[in-house]
Amino acid sequence: MTERTYRVLFICKDNAARSIMAEAILNQRGHGRFVAFSAGSHPADRVNPGALKQLEDARLATDGLRTKSWQEFTQPGTPPLDFVFTLWDAGEQEAHPAWPGHPLVAQWGMPDPARVQGNERAMAKALHDAFMAIDWRIGLFISLPIAALDRLTLAARVAEIGDQ
C-alpha cells in the first residue's frame, strides 16, 4: 500500500528566510512523502540572499523558490493542505485566513534571522541557527507515524515539536 503525500505550508511574515528554508528542507528530506510550500502575510520582494546561500551550502535545491502571499493558498480550487506551520516569533503573530482542507495548524515560532543587526558574520550565524532549528523540527516531524495517530494526538505531537 502506498502511503499518501501530505501537503505542508510554512508561513511567516515576509516569506523571505524561515519559511523558504523550511520549504526547501522538507521538500528534500520528505522524499516525496511531503510536498512543502511557503508563504507570508506580507511577502518581501525577494528571497533573502543569505537564506539562499544557507540552502546552497547545505546542498539543497533552491530552484523555483520565491516569495508569495498566503492568499495563493486560500483561493477556490486550491488543493487542500494537511499541515500549516507558523514560524513567526511572538511579536509577529497575526490572524491567518481559513485554509482549505482544515489542516492541522501549529506554531513553530522562532526569531526572524533577517532582523539580526550587525556584521555579515552575525547575520550568517543567525540564518545558520534558524536553518538548524528548522531542520531539527522537520526531522522530528517526518519521523512521526502520521497515519497511525488520531488527529488530537497528532496535534499535540506537532505542537510539542514547536517547543523544541
N, C-alpha and C. Protein backbone atom coordinates (compact mmCIF):
# COMPACT_ATOMS: atom_id res chain seq x y z
N MET A 1 0.84 -1.18 0.00
CA MET A 1 0.00 0.00 0.00
C MET A 1 0.88 1.24 0.00
N THR A 2 0.58 2.19 -0.83
CA THR A 2 1.35 3.41 -0.94
C THR A 2 0.87 4.41 0.12
N GLU A 3 1.84 4.99 0.84
CA GLU A 3 1.49 6.00 1.82
C GLU A 3 1.14 7.29 1.10
N ARG A 4 0.17 8.00 1.63
CA ARG A 4 -0.27 9.23 0.98
C ARG A 4 0.78 10.33 1.10
N THR A 5 0.63 11.33 0.25
CA THR A 5 1.50 12.50 0.28
C THR A 5 0.79 13.60 1.06
N TYR A 6 1.52 14.24 1.97
CA TYR A 6 0.98 15.31 2.80
C TYR A 6 1.42 16.66 2.26
N ARG A 7 0.48 17.60 2.22
CA ARG A 7 0.76 18.96 1.75
C ARG A 7 0.97 19.85 2.98
N VAL A 8 2.12 20.52 3.02
CA VAL A 8 2.52 21.31 4.18
C VAL A 8 2.84 22.73 3.74
N LEU A 9 2.29 23.70 4.47
CA LEU A 9 2.57 25.11 4.22
C LEU A 9 3.28 25.70 5.42
N PHE A 10 4.41 26.35 5.18
CA PHE A 10 5.14 27.08 6.21
C PHE A 10 4.89 28.56 5.98
N ILE A 11 4.52 29.28 7.03
CA ILE A 11 4.26 30.71 6.86
C ILE A 11 5.04 31.53 7.88
N CYS A 12 5.41 32.70 7.44
CA CYS A 12 5.97 33.73 8.32
C CYS A 12 5.59 35.07 7.68
N LYS A 13 6.00 36.12 8.29
CA LYS A 13 5.54 37.44 7.83
C LYS A 13 5.98 37.75 6.40
N ASP A 14 7.28 37.66 6.13
CA ASP A 14 7.77 38.12 4.83
C ASP A 14 8.13 37.01 3.84
N ASN A 15 8.07 35.76 4.28
CA ASN A 15 8.36 34.64 3.38
C ASN A 15 9.68 34.83 2.64
N ALA A 16 10.69 35.26 3.37
CA ALA A 16 11.97 35.51 2.72
C ALA A 16 13.11 34.66 3.28
N ALA A 17 12.96 34.11 4.49
CA ALA A 17 14.05 33.33 5.08
C ALA A 17 13.53 32.05 5.75
N ARG A 18 12.90 32.17 6.93
CA ARG A 18 12.50 30.98 7.70
C ARG A 18 11.60 30.04 6.91
N SER A 19 10.51 30.55 6.37
CA SER A 19 9.55 29.69 5.68
C SER A 19 10.14 29.16 4.37
N ILE A 20 10.96 29.95 3.71
CA ILE A 20 11.63 29.50 2.48
C ILE A 20 12.57 28.34 2.79
N MET A 21 13.36 28.49 3.87
CA MET A 21 14.28 27.40 4.23
C MET A 21 13.49 26.15 4.60
N ALA A 22 12.38 26.32 5.34
CA ALA A 22 11.57 25.16 5.73
C ALA A 22 11.01 24.44 4.49
N GLU A 23 10.54 25.20 3.52
CA GLU A 23 10.02 24.61 2.29
C GLU A 23 11.09 23.75 1.61
N ALA A 24 12.28 24.30 1.47
CA ALA A 24 13.36 23.58 0.79
C ALA A 24 13.79 22.35 1.58
N ILE A 25 13.90 22.48 2.89
CA ILE A 25 14.32 21.35 3.73
C ILE A 25 13.32 20.21 3.64
N LEU A 26 12.03 20.51 3.84
CA LEU A 26 11.03 19.43 3.83
C LEU A 26 10.90 18.80 2.45
N ASN A 27 10.97 19.59 1.41
CA ASN A 27 10.88 19.01 0.07
C ASN A 27 12.04 18.05 -0.19
N GLN A 28 13.20 18.32 0.37
CA GLN A 28 14.36 17.42 0.21
C GLN A 28 14.26 16.23 1.15
N ARG A 29 14.05 16.50 2.43
CA ARG A 29 14.08 15.43 3.44
C ARG A 29 12.81 14.59 3.44
N GLY A 30 11.73 15.12 2.90
CA GLY A 30 10.47 14.39 2.91
C GLY A 30 10.38 13.28 1.89
N HIS A 31 11.34 13.21 0.97
CA HIS A 31 11.45 12.13 -0.02
C HIS A 31 10.12 11.81 -0.70
N GLY A 32 9.38 12.86 -1.09
CA GLY A 32 8.13 12.66 -1.82
C GLY A 32 6.93 12.34 -0.94
N ARG A 33 7.15 12.08 0.31
CA ARG A 33 6.05 11.81 1.24
C ARG A 33 5.35 13.12 1.62
N PHE A 34 6.07 14.22 1.44
CA PHE A 34 5.55 15.55 1.75
C PHE A 34 5.81 16.46 0.56
N VAL A 35 4.88 17.37 0.33
CA VAL A 35 5.07 18.45 -0.63
C VAL A 35 4.96 19.72 0.19
N ALA A 36 6.03 20.49 0.23
CA ALA A 36 6.08 21.69 1.06
C ALA A 36 5.97 22.95 0.21
N PHE A 37 5.34 23.94 0.82
CA PHE A 37 5.19 25.27 0.24
C PHE A 37 5.51 26.28 1.33
N SER A 38 5.69 27.52 0.93
CA SER A 38 5.88 28.58 1.91
C SER A 38 5.15 29.83 1.42
N ALA A 39 4.82 30.68 2.38
CA ALA A 39 4.12 31.93 2.04
C ALA A 39 4.27 32.89 3.21
N GLY A 40 3.86 34.13 2.97
CA GLY A 40 3.92 35.14 4.01
C GLY A 40 2.68 36.00 4.03
N SER A 41 2.43 36.60 5.18
CA SER A 41 1.30 37.52 5.30
C SER A 41 1.58 38.82 4.56
N HIS A 42 2.83 39.24 4.55
CA HIS A 42 3.28 40.44 3.84
C HIS A 42 4.59 40.09 3.13
N PRO A 43 4.53 39.36 2.03
CA PRO A 43 5.74 38.85 1.41
C PRO A 43 6.70 39.94 0.95
N ALA A 44 7.98 39.64 1.14
CA ALA A 44 9.04 40.54 0.68
C ALA A 44 9.11 40.50 -0.84
N ASP A 45 9.89 41.40 -1.39
CA ASP A 45 10.07 41.46 -2.84
C ASP A 45 10.91 40.30 -3.37
N ARG A 46 11.78 39.77 -2.50
CA ARG A 46 12.66 38.69 -2.95
C ARG A 46 13.08 37.83 -1.76
N VAL A 47 13.57 36.65 -2.08
CA VAL A 47 14.08 35.74 -1.06
C VAL A 47 15.37 36.33 -0.50
N ASN A 48 15.56 36.20 0.79
CA ASN A 48 16.77 36.68 1.44
C ASN A 48 17.99 35.96 0.84
N PRO A 49 18.96 36.70 0.30
CA PRO A 49 20.14 36.05 -0.31
C PRO A 49 20.91 35.17 0.67
N GLY A 50 20.95 35.57 1.94
CA GLY A 50 21.62 34.76 2.94
C GLY A 50 20.93 33.43 3.16
N ALA A 51 19.60 33.42 3.08
CA ALA A 51 18.85 32.17 3.22
C ALA A 51 19.15 31.25 2.03
N LEU A 52 19.21 31.82 0.84
CA LEU A 52 19.56 31.02 -0.34
C LEU A 52 20.97 30.44 -0.21
N LYS A 53 21.90 31.24 0.29
CA LYS A 53 23.27 30.75 0.48
C LYS A 53 23.29 29.62 1.50
N GLN A 54 22.53 29.78 2.58
CA GLN A 54 22.47 28.73 3.60
C GLN A 54 21.95 27.42 2.98
N LEU A 55 20.92 27.51 2.16
CA LEU A 55 20.38 26.32 1.50
C LEU A 55 21.39 25.71 0.53
N GLU A 56 22.05 26.56 -0.23
CA GLU A 56 23.06 26.07 -1.17
C GLU A 56 24.22 25.41 -0.44
N ASP A 57 24.64 26.00 0.68
CA ASP A 57 25.72 25.41 1.48
C ASP A 57 25.33 24.03 2.01
N ALA A 58 24.03 23.84 2.27
CA ALA A 58 23.52 22.56 2.74
C ALA A 58 23.19 21.62 1.58
N ARG A 59 23.50 22.05 0.36
CA ARG A 59 23.26 21.27 -0.85
C ARG A 59 21.77 20.96 -1.07
N LEU A 60 20.94 21.95 -0.77
CA LEU A 60 19.51 21.83 -1.01
C LEU A 60 19.13 22.65 -2.24
N ALA A 61 18.17 22.15 -2.99
CA ALA A 61 17.73 22.82 -4.21
C ALA A 61 17.07 24.16 -3.87
N THR A 62 17.39 25.17 -4.65
CA THR A 62 16.78 26.49 -4.48
C THR A 62 15.99 26.91 -5.71
N ASP A 63 15.99 26.09 -6.74
CA ASP A 63 15.25 26.41 -7.96
C ASP A 63 13.76 26.57 -7.64
N GLY A 64 13.19 27.63 -8.16
CA GLY A 64 11.76 27.85 -8.00
C GLY A 64 11.34 28.48 -6.69
N LEU A 65 12.26 28.68 -5.77
CA LEU A 65 11.89 29.32 -4.51
C LEU A 65 11.59 30.79 -4.77
N ARG A 66 10.45 31.24 -4.27
CA ARG A 66 10.06 32.64 -4.45
C ARG A 66 9.16 33.05 -3.30
N THR A 67 9.14 34.34 -3.03
CA THR A 67 8.22 34.83 -2.02
C THR A 67 6.83 34.90 -2.61
N LYS A 68 5.83 34.64 -1.74
CA LYS A 68 4.45 34.67 -2.20
C LYS A 68 3.51 34.91 -1.02
N SER A 69 2.35 35.39 -1.34
CA SER A 69 1.34 35.66 -0.32
C SER A 69 0.62 34.39 0.06
N TRP A 70 0.23 34.33 1.31
CA TRP A 70 -0.54 33.18 1.77
C TRP A 70 -1.90 33.12 1.10
N GLN A 71 -2.33 34.21 0.47
CA GLN A 71 -3.61 34.22 -0.25
C GLN A 71 -3.61 33.22 -1.41
N GLU A 72 -2.44 32.90 -1.94
CA GLU A 72 -2.36 31.90 -3.02
C GLU A 72 -2.90 30.55 -2.56
N PHE A 73 -2.90 30.31 -1.27
CA PHE A 73 -3.30 29.01 -0.74
C PHE A 73 -4.72 29.00 -0.18
N THR A 74 -5.46 30.10 -0.41
CA THR A 74 -6.83 30.19 0.09
C THR A 74 -7.85 30.32 -1.04
N GLN A 75 -7.38 30.34 -2.26
CA GLN A 75 -8.26 30.54 -3.42
C GLN A 75 -9.11 29.31 -3.69
N PRO A 76 -10.31 29.51 -4.24
CA PRO A 76 -11.14 28.36 -4.62
C PRO A 76 -10.38 27.45 -5.58
N GLY A 77 -10.51 26.17 -5.37
CA GLY A 77 -9.83 25.21 -6.23
C GLY A 77 -8.43 24.87 -5.79
N THR A 78 -7.92 25.59 -4.78
CA THR A 78 -6.59 25.28 -4.27
C THR A 78 -6.63 23.91 -3.60
N PRO A 79 -5.67 23.05 -3.92
CA PRO A 79 -5.67 21.74 -3.25
C PRO A 79 -5.59 21.92 -1.73
N PRO A 80 -6.28 21.06 -0.99
CA PRO A 80 -6.30 21.21 0.47
C PRO A 80 -4.93 20.96 1.10
N LEU A 81 -4.69 21.63 2.20
CA LEU A 81 -3.46 21.47 2.96
C LEU A 81 -3.70 20.46 4.09
N ASP A 82 -2.65 19.78 4.49
CA ASP A 82 -2.73 18.86 5.64
C ASP A 82 -2.17 19.50 6.90
N PHE A 83 -1.13 20.32 6.74
CA PHE A 83 -0.48 20.98 7.87
C PHE A 83 -0.12 22.41 7.49
N VAL A 84 -0.24 23.31 8.46
CA VAL A 84 0.26 24.68 8.32
C VAL A 84 1.09 24.96 9.56
N PHE A 85 2.35 25.34 9.35
CA PHE A 85 3.24 25.67 10.46
C PHE A 85 3.59 27.15 10.38
N THR A 86 3.31 27.87 11.45
CA THR A 86 3.67 29.28 11.51
C THR A 86 5.04 29.39 12.17
N LEU A 87 5.93 30.12 11.55
CA LEU A 87 7.31 30.23 12.03
C LEU A 87 7.62 31.60 12.63
N TRP A 88 6.62 32.45 12.74
CA TRP A 88 6.90 33.78 13.27
C TRP A 88 7.09 33.72 14.78
N ASP A 89 7.83 34.71 15.28
CA ASP A 89 8.01 34.76 16.73
C ASP A 89 6.83 35.48 17.36
N ALA A 90 6.82 35.55 18.68
CA ALA A 90 5.66 36.06 19.42
C ALA A 90 5.25 37.46 18.98
N GLY A 91 6.19 38.32 18.66
CA GLY A 91 5.87 39.69 18.27
C GLY A 91 5.28 39.82 16.88
N GLU A 92 5.39 38.79 16.07
CA GLU A 92 4.92 38.85 14.68
C GLU A 92 3.56 38.19 14.46
N GLN A 93 3.05 37.46 15.42
CA GLN A 93 1.84 36.66 15.20
C GLN A 93 0.70 37.48 14.63
N GLU A 94 0.01 36.88 13.70
CA GLU A 94 -1.13 37.50 13.04
C GLU A 94 -2.24 36.47 12.90
N ALA A 95 -3.45 36.95 12.79
CA ALA A 95 -4.56 36.05 12.48
C ALA A 95 -4.37 35.59 11.04
N HIS A 96 -4.53 34.32 10.81
CA HIS A 96 -4.35 33.80 9.45
C HIS A 96 -5.70 33.45 8.85
N PRO A 97 -5.74 33.34 7.53
CA PRO A 97 -7.01 33.03 6.85
C PRO A 97 -7.45 31.59 7.12
N ALA A 98 -8.64 31.28 6.70
CA ALA A 98 -9.13 29.90 6.75
C ALA A 98 -8.45 29.13 5.62
N TRP A 99 -7.90 28.01 5.96
CA TRP A 99 -7.17 27.21 4.98
C TRP A 99 -8.07 26.12 4.41
N PRO A 100 -7.99 25.87 3.11
CA PRO A 100 -8.76 24.78 2.53
C PRO A 100 -8.34 23.44 3.14
N GLY A 101 -9.28 22.59 3.37
CA GLY A 101 -8.98 21.26 3.88
C GLY A 101 -8.90 21.16 5.39
N HIS A 102 -9.06 22.27 6.08
CA HIS A 102 -8.99 22.29 7.55
C HIS A 102 -7.72 21.59 8.06
N PRO A 103 -6.55 22.11 7.68
CA PRO A 103 -5.31 21.47 8.08
C PRO A 103 -5.05 21.62 9.58
N LEU A 104 -4.16 20.79 10.06
CA LEU A 104 -3.67 20.92 11.41
C LEU A 104 -2.71 22.11 11.42
N VAL A 105 -2.94 23.09 12.29
CA VAL A 105 -2.12 24.30 12.35
C VAL A 105 -1.34 24.29 13.65
N ALA A 106 -0.03 24.56 13.56
CA ALA A 106 0.81 24.59 14.75
C ALA A 106 1.79 25.75 14.68
N GLN A 107 2.12 26.28 15.84
CA GLN A 107 3.09 27.37 15.97
C GLN A 107 4.48 26.78 16.22
N TRP A 108 5.39 27.03 15.30
CA TRP A 108 6.79 26.64 15.45
C TRP A 108 7.63 27.91 15.48
N GLY A 109 7.28 28.83 16.35
CA GLY A 109 7.89 30.14 16.36
C GLY A 109 9.39 30.17 16.59
N MET A 110 9.99 31.17 15.99
CA MET A 110 11.42 31.44 16.18
C MET A 110 11.70 32.86 15.71
N PRO A 111 12.72 33.47 16.28
CA PRO A 111 13.05 34.84 15.86
C PRO A 111 13.41 34.89 14.37
N ASP A 112 13.14 36.02 13.77
CA ASP A 112 13.44 36.22 12.35
C ASP A 112 14.93 36.50 12.20
N PRO A 113 15.68 35.60 11.57
CA PRO A 113 17.11 35.83 11.40
C PRO A 113 17.43 37.02 10.51
N ALA A 114 16.51 37.40 9.66
CA ALA A 114 16.74 38.54 8.76
C ALA A 114 16.72 39.87 9.51
N ARG A 115 16.22 39.86 10.73
CA ARG A 115 16.16 41.10 11.51
C ARG A 115 17.40 41.32 12.38
N VAL A 116 18.32 40.37 12.35
CA VAL A 116 19.54 40.50 13.15
C VAL A 116 20.38 41.64 12.61
N GLN A 117 20.78 42.49 13.52
CA GLN A 117 21.64 43.63 13.16
C GLN A 117 23.09 43.26 13.45
N GLY A 118 23.98 43.80 12.69
CA GLY A 118 25.39 43.54 12.94
C GLY A 118 26.13 43.29 11.64
N ASN A 119 27.29 42.71 11.81
CA ASN A 119 28.13 42.47 10.64
C ASN A 119 27.65 41.23 9.88
N GLU A 120 28.30 40.97 8.78
CA GLU A 120 27.92 39.86 7.91
C GLU A 120 27.99 38.52 8.64
N ARG A 121 28.97 38.38 9.50
CA ARG A 121 29.14 37.13 10.26
C ARG A 121 27.97 36.90 11.21
N ALA A 122 27.51 37.94 11.89
CA ALA A 122 26.38 37.82 12.81
C ALA A 122 25.10 37.45 12.06
N MET A 123 24.92 38.05 10.90
CA MET A 123 23.73 37.74 10.11
C MET A 123 23.78 36.30 9.58
N ALA A 124 24.96 35.86 9.12
CA ALA A 124 25.11 34.49 8.63
C ALA A 124 24.88 33.49 9.76
N LYS A 125 25.35 33.80 10.96
CA LYS A 125 25.13 32.91 12.11
C LYS A 125 23.65 32.81 12.45
N ALA A 126 22.94 33.92 12.41
CA ALA A 126 21.50 33.90 12.70
C ALA A 126 20.76 33.03 11.69
N LEU A 127 21.11 33.13 10.42
CA LEU A 127 20.48 32.30 9.39
C LEU A 127 20.84 30.83 9.58
N HIS A 128 22.09 30.56 9.92
CA HIS A 128 22.52 29.18 10.16
C HIS A 128 21.77 28.59 11.36
N ASP A 129 21.67 29.36 12.43
CA ASP A 129 20.97 28.88 13.63
C ASP A 129 19.49 28.60 13.32
N ALA A 130 18.85 29.48 12.56
CA ALA A 130 17.45 29.27 12.17
C ALA A 130 17.34 28.02 11.30
N PHE A 131 18.24 27.87 10.35
CA PHE A 131 18.25 26.69 9.48
C PHE A 131 18.35 25.42 10.32
N MET A 132 19.27 25.40 11.27
CA MET A 132 19.46 24.20 12.09
C MET A 132 18.23 23.90 12.93
N ALA A 133 17.60 24.92 13.49
CA ALA A 133 16.40 24.72 14.29
C ALA A 133 15.25 24.18 13.43
N ILE A 134 15.10 24.73 12.25
CA ILE A 134 14.05 24.26 11.33
C ILE A 134 14.33 22.83 10.90
N ASP A 135 15.56 22.55 10.55
CA ASP A 135 15.95 21.21 10.12
C ASP A 135 15.68 20.19 11.23
N TRP A 136 16.00 20.53 12.47
CA TRP A 136 15.75 19.66 13.61
C TRP A 136 14.25 19.37 13.74
N ARG A 137 13.44 20.41 13.70
CA ARG A 137 12.00 20.24 13.84
C ARG A 137 11.41 19.41 12.71
N ILE A 138 11.87 19.66 11.50
CA ILE A 138 11.38 18.89 10.37
C ILE A 138 11.78 17.42 10.51
N GLY A 139 12.98 17.16 11.00
CA GLY A 139 13.40 15.78 11.25
C GLY A 139 12.46 15.08 12.23
N LEU A 140 12.09 15.78 13.29
CA LEU A 140 11.14 15.22 14.25
C LEU A 140 9.77 15.00 13.60
N PHE A 141 9.34 15.97 12.82
CA PHE A 141 8.03 15.90 12.16
C PHE A 141 7.94 14.71 11.21
N ILE A 142 8.93 14.54 10.35
CA ILE A 142 8.84 13.46 9.36
C ILE A 142 9.01 12.08 9.99
N SER A 143 9.49 12.02 11.23
CA SER A 143 9.60 10.72 11.91
C SER A 143 8.29 10.30 12.59
N LEU A 144 7.31 11.21 12.64
CA LEU A 144 6.03 10.87 13.27
C LEU A 144 5.27 9.83 12.43
N PRO A 145 4.61 8.89 13.10
CA PRO A 145 3.76 7.94 12.37
C PRO A 145 2.40 8.58 12.10
N ILE A 146 2.37 9.54 11.20
CA ILE A 146 1.21 10.40 10.98
C ILE A 146 -0.07 9.60 10.75
N ALA A 147 -0.02 8.63 9.87
CA ALA A 147 -1.23 7.86 9.54
C ALA A 147 -1.75 7.04 10.72
N ALA A 148 -0.88 6.73 11.67
CA ALA A 148 -1.28 5.89 12.81
C ALA A 148 -1.81 6.70 13.99
N LEU A 149 -1.71 8.02 13.94
CA LEU A 149 -2.12 8.85 15.07
C LEU A 149 -3.49 9.48 14.81
N ASP A 150 -4.32 9.53 15.86
CA ASP A 150 -5.57 10.27 15.72
C ASP A 150 -5.26 11.76 15.69
N ARG A 151 -6.18 12.56 15.21
CA ARG A 151 -5.95 13.99 15.00
C ARG A 151 -5.53 14.72 16.28
N LEU A 152 -6.14 14.41 17.39
CA LEU A 152 -5.82 15.08 18.66
C LEU A 152 -4.41 14.76 19.11
N THR A 153 -4.03 13.51 19.02
CA THR A 153 -2.66 13.11 19.39
C THR A 153 -1.65 13.72 18.45
N LEU A 154 -1.97 13.70 17.15
CA LEU A 154 -1.07 14.30 16.16
C LEU A 154 -0.89 15.79 16.42
N ALA A 155 -1.98 16.48 16.74
CA ALA A 155 -1.89 17.93 17.03
C ALA A 155 -0.98 18.17 18.23
N ALA A 156 -1.10 17.35 19.25
CA ALA A 156 -0.26 17.51 20.44
C ALA A 156 1.21 17.25 20.11
N ARG A 157 1.48 16.23 19.33
CA ARG A 157 2.86 15.89 18.97
C ARG A 157 3.50 16.98 18.11
N VAL A 158 2.72 17.51 17.17
CA VAL A 158 3.24 18.56 16.29
C VAL A 158 3.48 19.84 17.10
N ALA A 159 2.60 20.15 18.03
CA ALA A 159 2.79 21.33 18.88
C ALA A 159 4.03 21.17 19.75
N GLU A 160 4.28 19.97 20.25
CA GLU A 160 5.48 19.71 21.05
C GLU A 160 6.75 19.99 20.25
N ILE A 161 6.72 19.66 18.98
CA ILE A 161 7.89 19.91 18.14
C ILE A 161 8.19 21.41 18.09
N GLY A 162 7.17 22.22 18.07
CA GLY A 162 7.37 23.68 18.07
C GLY A 162 8.00 24.20 19.34
N ASP A 163 7.92 23.42 20.41
CA ASP A 163 8.53 23.82 21.67
C ASP A 163 9.99 23.39 21.77
N GLN A 164 10.49 22.64 20.79
CA GLN A 164 11.87 22.14 20.82
C GLN A 164 12.86 23.25 20.56
